């Protein structure tokens, strides 16, 4: 395939992107003003896409210079093939990855299970059109359904073929934590995979060996006790300004604790969910007003990305960018990067997060790990519609609310349009097959029943 360099790509694409201005207001503490009375902005115009430089972090373990913005390859757009099957739009994926590479993004995270098993192949096709030394590949041993030695080895070897490479830069043991050391042993130790992967690291087939974590504090501490034995080269954690201090503490952990424990051991950190599954990019109106009071020009997503990027042990922050406008907005944040002040970090993780904690949204990131539901319930679709109504202020709270009748009807009509009736929350039977797969630890049946109870009250006009 034809190799594409940065100069020739930029000549053919340009860098046009239009930012949308939002109305500011509200009661957030003001940022310090310039001498002329205006509020300074960390937002950048499109010129930075031509002149700016991507922020790079050095992996102290091996000297890699890694882009602070990493590409999560789990959400490329799908289309129907000639046989009616859902397939990734390869041309669209190529365009996004070409543009990201041309602007300094060099870390690409995938898995054998992403995008219905298509992510590695799609990512490999797109990246193999560029020099192998221009990017780092991260993929995972996602042996959830079959952890036998044979199945795990096949998954490992298939990754090299799909990604069109003879070495993997960053290899992760996928989704450790829940199930504790017993599950770690069954997935990676008793089947011989840890011994094998350590030898592969010594040979250079795997350059860095790490893990992605989903679980509680005790489970995290258990995995860190294995650092002396296995030497985790890096660890991937969920970190964002909401989860910094507001994790539930039962099935997930405050990111402040995770970060500090890894930092004091000198372990590089890869960030997943910097936008908490998109929640911090599409915030409720009251939260948006607080952010716009601080910086009228900056997007909500840029605040969240600057938060995680302001911590020096962070090697890269992953974003599953589906559309070019999102990619460009993120590039503008991470090119000529402006870190947050300590006061701004407190504003986000304490003041703003406290406000967000009072919004009844569901912490769903639309990863679809819970799907398919054996009873046909559209779990992500239900949560997405519910969250959208809350964030946009079109949520009927009670019959005394101003405009209640209009809001009530709007919710019911939009719900039926967003989720067909046979796939709505009322069809959940609490089999609980979905909850064990949720990386956000959502009690999915409980949330579905809560939403269904709300919908039923709207239908009966009993709020």
Protein backbone atom coordinates (compact mmCIF):
# COMPACT_ATOMS: atom_id res chain seq x y z
CA UNK A 1 0.00 0.00 0.00
CA UNK A 2 1.04 3.58 -0.58
CA UNK A 3 2.89 5.21 2.32
CA UNK A 4 1.63 8.66 3.35
CA UNK A 5 3.88 11.25 4.97
CA UNK A 6 2.80 14.26 7.03
CA UNK A 7 3.64 16.92 4.43
CA UNK A 8 1.77 15.32 1.55
CA UNK A 9 -1.21 14.53 3.74
CA UNK A 10 -1.53 18.07 5.04
CA UNK A 11 -1.43 19.41 1.50
CA UNK A 12 -4.49 17.36 0.59
CA UNK A 13 -6.59 17.85 3.71
CA UNK A 14 -6.19 21.36 5.10
CA UNK A 15 -7.32 22.12 8.62
CA UNK A 16 -10.75 23.73 8.54
CA UNK A 17 -12.88 23.37 11.67
CA UNK A 18 -15.54 25.63 13.04
CA UNK A 19 -16.08 26.02 16.79
CA UNK A 20 -19.52 26.66 18.20
CA UNK A 21 -19.96 29.45 20.71
CA UNK A 22 -22.22 28.82 23.70
CA UNK A 23 -24.02 31.34 25.85
CA UNK A 24 -22.24 31.88 29.17
CA UNK A 25 -23.77 32.69 32.52
CA UNK A 26 -24.31 31.17 35.95
CA UNK A 27 -22.57 31.46 39.28
CA UNK A 28 -19.18 29.74 38.92
CA UNK A 29 -16.17 31.51 40.46
CA UNK A 30 -14.62 33.74 37.86
CA UNK A 31 -11.17 33.26 36.42
CA UNK A 32 -8.70 36.07 36.87
CA UNK A 33 -9.12 38.81 34.31
CA UNK A 34 -6.62 40.41 31.97
CA UNK A 35 -5.73 44.04 32.43
CA UNK A 36 -8.38 45.00 29.89
CA UNK A 37 -11.11 43.24 31.88
CA UNK A 38 -11.52 40.20 29.61
CA UNK A 39 -11.14 36.61 30.78
CA UNK A 40 -8.05 34.86 29.32
CA UNK A 41 -8.86 31.70 27.38
CA UNK A 42 -6.89 28.49 27.00
CA UNK A 43 -8.97 27.71 23.90
CA UNK A 44 -7.10 27.91 20.59
CA UNK A 45 -8.24 28.71 17.09
CA UNK A 46 -7.70 26.46 14.08
CA UNK A 47 -4.27 27.91 13.34
CA UNK A 48 -2.75 25.67 16.01
CA UNK A 49 -3.52 22.71 13.75
CA UNK A 50 -0.98 24.13 11.27
CA UNK A 51 1.59 25.64 13.61
CA UNK A 52 1.23 23.87 16.98
CA UNK A 53 3.17 20.91 18.33
CA UNK A 54 1.67 17.85 19.97
CA UNK A 55 2.52 17.48 23.67
CA UNK A 56 4.81 14.47 24.10
CA UNK A 57 5.51 12.52 27.28
CA UNK A 58 8.62 10.41 27.82
CA UNK A 59 8.18 6.83 29.00
CA UNK A 60 11.01 6.68 31.51
CA UNK A 61 11.08 2.90 31.24
CA UNK A 62 12.20 2.76 27.61
CA UNK A 63 12.49 6.33 26.32
CA UNK A 64 9.42 6.28 24.06
CA UNK A 65 8.13 9.76 23.24
CA UNK A 66 4.38 9.27 23.36
CA UNK A 67 1.68 11.75 22.36
CA UNK A 68 -0.37 12.94 25.32
CA UNK A 69 -3.48 12.37 23.18
CA UNK A 70 -3.93 8.69 22.36
CA UNK A 71 -6.42 7.24 19.88
CA UNK A 72 -8.90 4.71 21.28
CA UNK A 73 -9.89 2.55 18.31
CA UNK A 74 -13.17 1.17 19.65
CA UNK A 75 -15.75 3.56 18.19
CA UNK A 76 -15.24 3.94 14.45
CA UNK A 77 -18.44 4.34 12.45
CA UNK A 78 -20.14 1.24 11.05
CA UNK A 79 -21.98 0.65 7.79
CA UNK A 80 -23.81 -2.24 6.12
CA UNK A 81 -21.92 -4.41 3.66
CA UNK A 82 -23.52 -6.02 0.60
CA UNK A 83 -24.82 -8.86 2.75
CA UNK A 84 -26.39 -6.54 5.31
CA UNK A 85 -23.76 -7.12 8.00
CA UNK A 86 -22.38 -4.34 10.19
CA UNK A 87 -18.80 -3.55 9.20
CA UNK A 88 -16.47 -0.71 10.10
CA UNK A 89 -16.21 2.07 7.53
CA UNK A 90 -12.54 1.53 6.68
CA UNK A 91 -12.25 4.64 4.51
CA UNK A 92 -13.50 6.82 7.37
CA UNK A 93 -11.14 5.14 9.83
CA UNK A 94 -8.23 5.70 7.43
CA UNK A 95 -9.07 9.40 7.12
CA UNK A 96 -9.23 9.93 10.89
CA UNK A 97 -6.03 8.00 11.61
CA UNK A 98 -4.18 9.74 8.76
CA UNK A 99 -5.15 13.14 10.16
CA UNK A 100 -4.28 12.16 13.72
CA UNK A 101 -0.86 10.86 12.70
CA UNK A 102 -0.17 13.95 10.63
CA UNK A 103 -0.81 16.04 13.74
CA UNK A 104 1.40 14.09 16.11
CA UNK A 105 -0.90 11.42 17.62
CA UNK A 106 1.28 8.32 17.78
CA UNK A 107 -0.43 5.97 20.32
CA UNK A 108 -3.25 3.72 19.05
CA UNK A 109 -5.18 1.48 21.45
CA UNK A 110 -7.24 -1.48 20.26
CA UNK A 111 -8.39 -4.96 21.33
CA UNK A 112 -9.45 -8.22 19.68
CA UNK A 113 -13.00 -7.68 21.04
CA UNK A 114 -13.63 -4.05 20.03
CA UNK A 115 -16.07 -3.20 17.23
CA UNK A 116 -17.49 -6.72 17.08
CA UNK A 117 -13.99 -8.11 16.66
CA UNK A 118 -13.04 -5.80 13.76
CA UNK A 119 -10.97 -3.14 15.53
CA UNK A 120 -7.52 -4.71 15.26
CA UNK A 121 -7.88 -5.42 11.56
CA UNK A 122 -9.26 -1.95 10.77
CA UNK A 123 -6.55 -0.28 12.84
CA UNK A 124 -3.86 -2.45 11.28
CA UNK A 125 -4.95 -1.59 7.75
CA UNK A 126 -4.97 2.14 8.49
CA UNK A 127 -1.66 2.24 10.35
CA UNK A 128 0.27 -0.09 8.01
CA UNK A 129 0.06 2.61 5.32
CA UNK A 130 2.53 4.63 7.39
CA UNK A 131 6.10 3.91 8.56
CA UNK A 132 6.06 1.48 11.50
CA UNK A 133 8.37 3.75 13.50
CA UNK A 134 5.82 6.60 13.37
CA UNK A 135 3.33 5.05 15.79
CA UNK A 136 2.93 2.84 18.86
CA UNK A 137 0.39 0.01 18.94
CA UNK A 138 -1.38 -1.00 22.15
CA UNK A 139 -3.57 -4.08 22.18
CA UNK A 140 -4.81 -6.57 24.74
CA UNK A 141 -5.18 -10.19 25.74
CA UNK A 142 -8.98 -10.08 26.04
CA UNK A 143 -9.47 -13.76 26.90
CA UNK A 144 -12.70 -13.32 28.85
CA UNK A 145 -14.76 -16.06 27.24
CA UNK A 146 -12.03 -18.70 26.91
CA UNK A 147 -8.83 -18.47 28.96
CA UNK A 148 -7.35 -21.79 27.92
CA UNK A 149 -3.72 -21.79 26.81
CA UNK A 150 -4.73 -22.66 23.25
CA UNK A 151 -7.37 -19.93 22.94
CA UNK A 152 -5.14 -17.31 24.58
CA UNK A 153 -2.21 -18.14 22.32
CA UNK A 154 -4.45 -17.95 19.26
CA UNK A 155 -5.72 -14.53 20.34
CA UNK A 156 -2.15 -13.33 20.92
CA UNK A 157 -0.88 -14.54 17.55
CA UNK A 158 -3.95 -13.31 15.67
CA UNK A 159 -3.25 -9.79 16.96
CA UNK A 160 0.07 -9.67 15.12
CA UNK A 161 -1.56 -10.76 11.87
CA UNK A 162 -4.48 -8.34 12.18
CA UNK A 163 -2.26 -5.41 13.13
CA UNK A 164 0.26 -6.24 10.39
CA UNK A 165 3.26 -6.02 12.69
CA UNK A 166 5.98 -8.25 14.09
CA UNK A 167 6.07 -6.53 17.50
CA UNK A 168 3.56 -4.87 19.81
CA UNK A 169 4.64 -1.77 21.68
CA UNK A 170 2.19 -1.84 24.60
CA UNK A 171 0.46 -5.13 25.49
CA UNK A 172 -2.20 -5.20 28.20
CA UNK A 173 -3.80 -7.89 30.30
CA UNK A 174 -7.35 -6.72 29.66
CA UNK A 175 -9.71 -5.70 32.48
CA UNK A 176 -8.09 -6.95 35.66
CA UNK A 177 -9.47 -6.31 39.14
CA UNK A 178 -12.87 -7.88 39.43
CA UNK A 179 -12.52 -11.47 40.48
CA UNK A 180 -9.29 -10.60 42.31
CA UNK A 181 -6.13 -12.68 42.10
CA UNK A 182 -8.14 -15.86 41.59
CA UNK A 183 -9.39 -14.64 38.23
CA UNK A 184 -5.95 -13.24 37.37
CA UNK A 185 -4.49 -16.68 38.05
CA UNK A 186 -7.05 -18.50 35.90
CA UNK A 187 -6.76 -16.09 32.96
CA UNK A 188 -3.00 -15.56 32.89
CA UNK A 189 -0.98 -17.71 35.31
CA UNK A 190 -2.28 -21.28 35.44
CA UNK A 191 -2.57 -21.35 31.65
CA UNK A 192 1.10 -20.37 31.26
CA UNK A 193 0.46 -17.01 29.61
CA UNK A 194 2.37 -14.86 32.15
CA UNK A 195 5.49 -16.98 31.73
CA UNK A 196 5.08 -16.80 27.96
CA UNK A 197 4.49 -13.04 27.85
CA UNK A 198 7.50 -12.32 30.04
CA UNK A 199 9.66 -14.27 27.59
CA UNK A 200 8.08 -12.40 24.69
CA UNK A 201 8.99 -9.14 26.44
CA UNK A 202 12.58 -10.29 26.81
CA UNK A 203 12.70 -11.06 23.06
CA UNK A 204 11.17 -7.70 22.15
CA UNK A 205 7.99 -9.08 20.59
CA UNK A 206 6.17 -7.25 23.38
CA UNK A 207 8.03 -4.06 24.22
CA UNK A 208 5.98 -3.06 27.28
CA UNK A 209 3.71 -5.30 29.36
CA UNK A 210 0.94 -3.84 31.47
CA UNK A 211 -2.70 -4.14 32.48
CA UNK A 212 -6.00 -2.29 32.39
CA UNK A 213 -7.78 -2.04 35.74
CA UNK A 214 -11.48 -2.17 36.62
CA UNK A 215 -12.29 -2.89 40.24
CA UNK A 216 -12.16 -1.78 43.86
CA UNK A 217 -9.33 -0.61 46.10
CA UNK A 218 -8.48 -4.03 47.57
CA UNK A 219 -8.30 -5.56 44.09
CA UNK A 220 -6.04 -2.75 42.89
CA UNK A 221 -3.74 -3.16 45.89
CA UNK A 222 -3.53 -6.90 45.22
CA UNK A 223 -2.41 -6.34 41.64
CA UNK A 224 0.23 -3.84 42.76
CA UNK A 225 1.72 -6.46 45.10
CA UNK A 226 2.60 -8.38 41.92
CA UNK A 227 4.69 -5.51 40.56
CA UNK A 228 7.91 -6.85 42.08
CA UNK A 229 7.26 -10.26 40.52
CA UNK A 230 6.05 -9.27 37.05
CA UNK A 231 7.16 -5.63 36.72
CA UNK A 232 4.19 -3.78 35.26
CA UNK A 233 5.69 -1.46 32.62
CA UNK A 234 2.49 0.63 32.60
CA UNK A 235 -1.05 0.53 33.98
CA UNK A 236 -4.25 1.79 32.35
CA UNK A 237 -6.81 3.31 34.72
CA UNK A 238 -10.07 5.24 34.55
CA UNK A 239 -9.31 8.84 35.47
CA UNK A 240 -11.27 12.03 35.00
CA UNK A 241 -12.15 15.02 37.13
CA UNK A 242 -15.43 13.48 38.35
CA UNK A 243 -13.94 10.13 39.37
CA UNK A 244 -10.94 11.85 40.96
CA UNK A 245 -12.86 12.09 44.26
CA UNK A 246 -16.38 10.84 43.47
CA UNK A 247 -16.03 7.13 42.61
CA UNK A 248 -18.51 4.97 44.50
CA UNK A 249 -15.73 3.16 46.39
CA UNK A 250 -17.46 -0.19 46.08
CA UNK A 251 -16.74 -1.40 42.57
CA UNK A 252 -14.43 1.40 41.47
CA UNK A 253 -11.85 3.62 43.12
CA UNK A 254 -11.15 7.33 43.37
CA UNK A 255 -8.70 8.13 40.59
CA UNK A 256 -6.69 10.23 43.04
CA UNK A 257 -5.78 7.04 44.93
CA UNK A 258 -4.98 5.07 41.77
CA UNK A 259 -2.80 7.86 40.40
CA UNK A 260 -0.87 8.42 43.63
CA UNK A 261 -0.16 4.72 44.17
CA UNK A 262 1.20 4.34 40.63
CA UNK A 263 3.06 7.64 40.76
CA UNK A 264 5.01 6.76 43.89
CA UNK A 265 6.10 3.50 42.24
CA UNK A 266 7.15 5.32 39.07
CA UNK A 267 4.74 3.34 36.87
CA UNK A 268 3.63 5.17 33.68
CA UNK A 269 -0.14 5.68 33.48
CA UNK A 270 -2.43 5.39 30.47
CA UNK A 271 -5.81 7.06 30.94
CA UNK A 272 -9.12 5.60 29.78
CA UNK A 273 -12.45 7.39 30.16
CA UNK A 274 -11.02 10.92 30.48
CA UNK A 275 -14.51 12.10 29.43
CA UNK A 276 -16.27 9.46 31.55
CA UNK A 277 -17.82 7.90 28.49
CA UNK A 278 -18.76 11.25 26.98
CA UNK A 279 -20.53 12.55 30.11
CA UNK A 280 -17.92 15.29 30.59
CA UNK A 281 -18.15 16.39 26.96
CA UNK A 282 -21.93 16.78 27.00
CA UNK A 283 -22.63 18.22 30.43
CA UNK A 284 -25.87 19.48 31.91
CA UNK A 285 -26.79 23.11 31.23
CA UNK A 286 -25.94 24.25 34.76
CA UNK A 287 -22.50 22.66 34.57
CA UNK A 288 -21.92 24.13 31.10
CA UNK A 289 -22.68 27.60 32.46
CA UNK A 290 -20.07 27.16 35.20
CA UNK A 291 -17.45 26.20 32.62
CA UNK A 292 -18.36 29.03 30.26
CA UNK A 293 -18.12 31.50 33.12
CA UNK A 294 -14.52 30.38 33.47
CA UNK A 295 -13.68 30.30 29.76
CA UNK A 296 -16.35 31.23 27.19
CA UNK A 297 -14.38 29.75 24.29
CA UNK A 298 -13.25 26.40 25.68
CA UNK A 299 -15.26 23.22 25.04
CA UNK A 300 -16.39 21.07 27.94
CA UNK A 301 -14.24 18.22 26.59
CA UNK A 302 -11.11 20.39 26.58
CA UNK A 303 -11.49 21.03 30.32
CA UNK A 304 -11.67 17.30 31.00
CA UNK A 305 -8.66 16.51 28.82
CA UNK A 306 -6.59 19.29 30.34
CA UNK A 307 -7.36 17.88 33.80
CA UNK A 308 -5.87 14.45 33.10
CA UNK A 309 -3.04 15.90 31.02
CA UNK A 310 -1.97 18.16 33.87
CA UNK A 311 -0.66 15.20 35.89
CA UNK A 312 2.95 14.43 34.96
CA UNK A 313 2.86 10.64 35.40
CA UNK A 314 0.20 10.37 32.69
CA UNK A 315 1.79 8.98 29.53
CA UNK A 316 -1.25 9.33 27.27
CA UNK A 317 -5.00 9.91 27.52
CA UNK A 318 -7.20 7.85 25.23
CA UNK A 319 -10.12 9.25 23.29
CA UNK A 320 -12.36 7.23 20.98
CA UNK A 321 -12.78 9.92 18.34
CA UNK A 322 -15.56 9.08 15.87
CA UNK A 323 -15.91 12.35 13.98
CA UNK A 324 -13.35 14.72 12.51
CA UNK A 325 -14.76 17.66 14.50
CA UNK A 326 -14.04 15.81 17.76
CA UNK A 327 -10.55 14.89 16.61
CA UNK A 328 -9.77 18.50 15.71
CA UNK A 329 -11.12 19.84 19.00
CA UNK A 330 -8.96 17.36 20.93
CA UNK A 331 -5.92 18.17 18.82
CA UNK A 332 -6.35 21.85 19.63
CA UNK A 333 -6.30 20.94 23.33
CA UNK A 334 -3.16 18.82 23.20
CA UNK A 335 -1.15 20.83 20.67
CA UNK A 336 0.74 23.60 22.50
CA UNK A 337 -0.80 22.09 25.63
CA UNK A 338 -1.77 24.41 28.51
CA UNK A 339 -1.93 22.56 31.87
CA UNK A 340 -4.44 23.53 34.53
CA UNK A 341 -3.47 25.41 37.64
CA UNK A 342 -3.98 23.74 41.03
CA UNK A 343 -6.97 26.03 41.60
CA UNK A 344 -8.54 24.98 38.29
CA UNK A 345 -8.03 21.30 39.13
CA UNK A 346 -9.82 21.83 42.47
CA UNK A 347 -12.62 23.70 40.70
CA UNK A 348 -13.25 20.72 38.42
CA UNK A 349 -12.72 17.82 40.83
CA UNK A 350 -14.46 19.40 43.84
CA UNK A 351 -16.79 22.30 42.95
CA UNK A 352 -18.01 21.12 39.56
CA UNK A 353 -18.06 17.41 40.47
CA UNK A 354 -20.16 18.15 43.56
CA UNK A 355 -22.75 19.82 41.32
CA UNK A 356 -22.69 16.93 38.85
CA UNK A 357 -23.21 14.41 41.65
CA UNK A 358 -26.71 15.84 42.11
CA UNK A 359 -27.73 15.09 38.52
CA UNK A 360 -29.47 11.68 38.19
CA UNK A 361 -27.64 10.61 35.03
CA UNK A 362 -26.45 7.06 34.41
CA UNK A 363 -22.68 6.68 34.06
CA UNK A 364 -22.90 4.76 30.76
CA UNK A 365 -20.12 5.20 28.20
CA UNK A 366 -21.93 3.40 25.34
CA UNK A 367 -19.22 0.72 25.12
CA UNK A 368 -21.88 -1.95 24.39
CA UNK A 369 -20.14 -4.60 26.51
CA UNK A 370 -23.57 -5.31 28.02
CA UNK A 371 -25.02 -6.18 24.62
CA UNK A 372 -26.71 -8.09 23.20
CA UNK A 373 -29.38 -8.41 25.85
CA UNK A 374 -30.96 -11.89 25.64
CA UNK A 375 -34.37 -10.25 25.95
CA UNK A 376 -33.72 -7.56 23.36
CA UNK A 377 -33.49 -4.56 25.69
CA UNK A 378 -31.54 -1.67 24.13
CA UNK A 379 -29.57 -0.89 27.27
CA UNK A 380 -27.19 1.79 25.85
CA UNK A 381 -29.99 3.41 23.87
CA UNK A 382 -32.21 3.78 26.93
CA UNK A 383 -29.42 5.28 29.02
CA UNK A 384 -28.30 7.58 26.20
CA UNK A 385 -31.79 9.01 25.73
CA UNK A 386 -32.34 9.47 29.47
CA UNK A 387 -28.98 11.21 29.99
CA UNK A 388 -29.53 13.44 26.97
CA UNK A 389 -32.85 14.71 28.33
CA UNK A 390 -31.33 15.46 31.73
CA UNK A 391 -28.28 17.22 30.30
CA UNK A 392 -30.36 19.31 27.89
CA UNK A 393 -32.84 20.31 30.59
CA UNK A 394 -35.78 18.54 28.92
CA UNK A 395 -36.42 16.34 31.95
CA UNK A 396 -39.84 16.55 33.61
CA UNK A 397 -39.26 16.58 37.37
CA UNK A 398 -42.79 17.02 38.79
CA UNK A 399 -46.22 18.33 37.84
CA UNK A 400 -45.57 21.70 39.51
CA UNK A 401 -42.63 22.36 37.20
CA UNK A 402 -43.00 25.18 34.70
CA UNK A 403 -43.72 23.73 31.28
CA UNK A 404 -44.35 20.27 32.80
CA UNK A 405 -46.99 19.18 30.26
CA UNK A 406 -44.75 20.05 27.32
CA UNK A 407 -41.70 18.35 28.90
CA UNK A 408 -43.74 15.25 29.79
CA UNK A 409 -44.98 14.83 26.24
CA UNK A 410 -41.56 15.60 24.73
CA UNK A 411 -39.87 12.90 26.84
CA UNK A 412 -42.43 10.21 25.99
CA UNK A 413 -42.43 11.02 22.27
CA UNK A 414 -38.63 11.18 22.03
CA UNK A 415 -38.27 7.95 24.05
CA UNK A 416 -40.50 6.05 21.62
CA UNK A 417 -38.51 7.46 18.71
CA UNK A 418 -35.13 6.67 20.25
CA UNK A 419 -35.94 3.16 21.49
CA UNK A 420 -38.52 0.94 19.82
CA UNK A 421 -41.20 -0.29 22.21
CA UNK A 422 -40.10 -3.94 22.29
CA UNK A 423 -36.61 -2.86 23.39
CA UNK A 424 -37.59 -0.44 26.16
CA UNK A 425 -36.74 -0.79 29.83
CA UNK A 426 -40.01 -2.49 30.82
CA UNK A 427 -38.77 -5.69 29.14
CA UNK A 428 -35.84 -6.13 31.54
CA UNK A 429 -36.38 -9.27 33.69
CA UNK A 430 -33.32 -8.68 35.93
CA UNK A 431 -31.40 -11.71 34.65
CA UNK A 432 -28.28 -9.63 35.44
CA UNK A 433 -26.23 -11.07 32.58
CA UNK A 434 -25.33 -7.52 31.56
CA UNK A 435 -23.95 -6.16 34.84
CA UNK A 436 -20.93 -8.44 35.05
CA UNK A 437 -19.66 -7.08 31.73
CA UNK A 438 -20.04 -3.38 32.58
CA UNK A 439 -16.64 -1.64 33.02
CA UNK A 440 -18.42 1.25 34.77
CA UNK A 441 -19.89 -1.07 37.44
CA UNK A 442 -23.42 0.14 36.70
CA UNK A 443 -26.19 -1.84 38.41
CA UNK A 444 -27.88 -2.06 35.02
CA UNK A 445 -31.18 -3.76 35.94
CA UNK A 446 -31.67 -1.36 38.85
CA UNK A 447 -31.12 1.66 36.59
CA UNK A 448 -33.41 0.25 33.90
CA UNK A 449 -36.18 -0.29 36.46
CA UNK A 450 -35.64 3.24 37.81
CA UNK A 451 -36.05 4.70 34.32
CA UNK A 452 -39.04 2.48 33.58
CA UNK A 453 -40.72 3.59 36.83
CA UNK A 454 -40.15 7.21 35.78
CA UNK A 455 -41.57 6.57 32.31
CA UNK A 456 -44.62 4.82 33.76
CA UNK A 457 -45.30 7.79 36.03
CA UNK A 458 -45.09 10.10 33.02
CA UNK A 459 -47.50 7.91 31.08
CA UNK A 460 -49.99 7.92 33.95
CA UNK A 461 -49.35 11.60 34.66
CA UNK A 462 -48.56 10.77 38.28
CA UNK A 463 -45.36 12.75 38.89
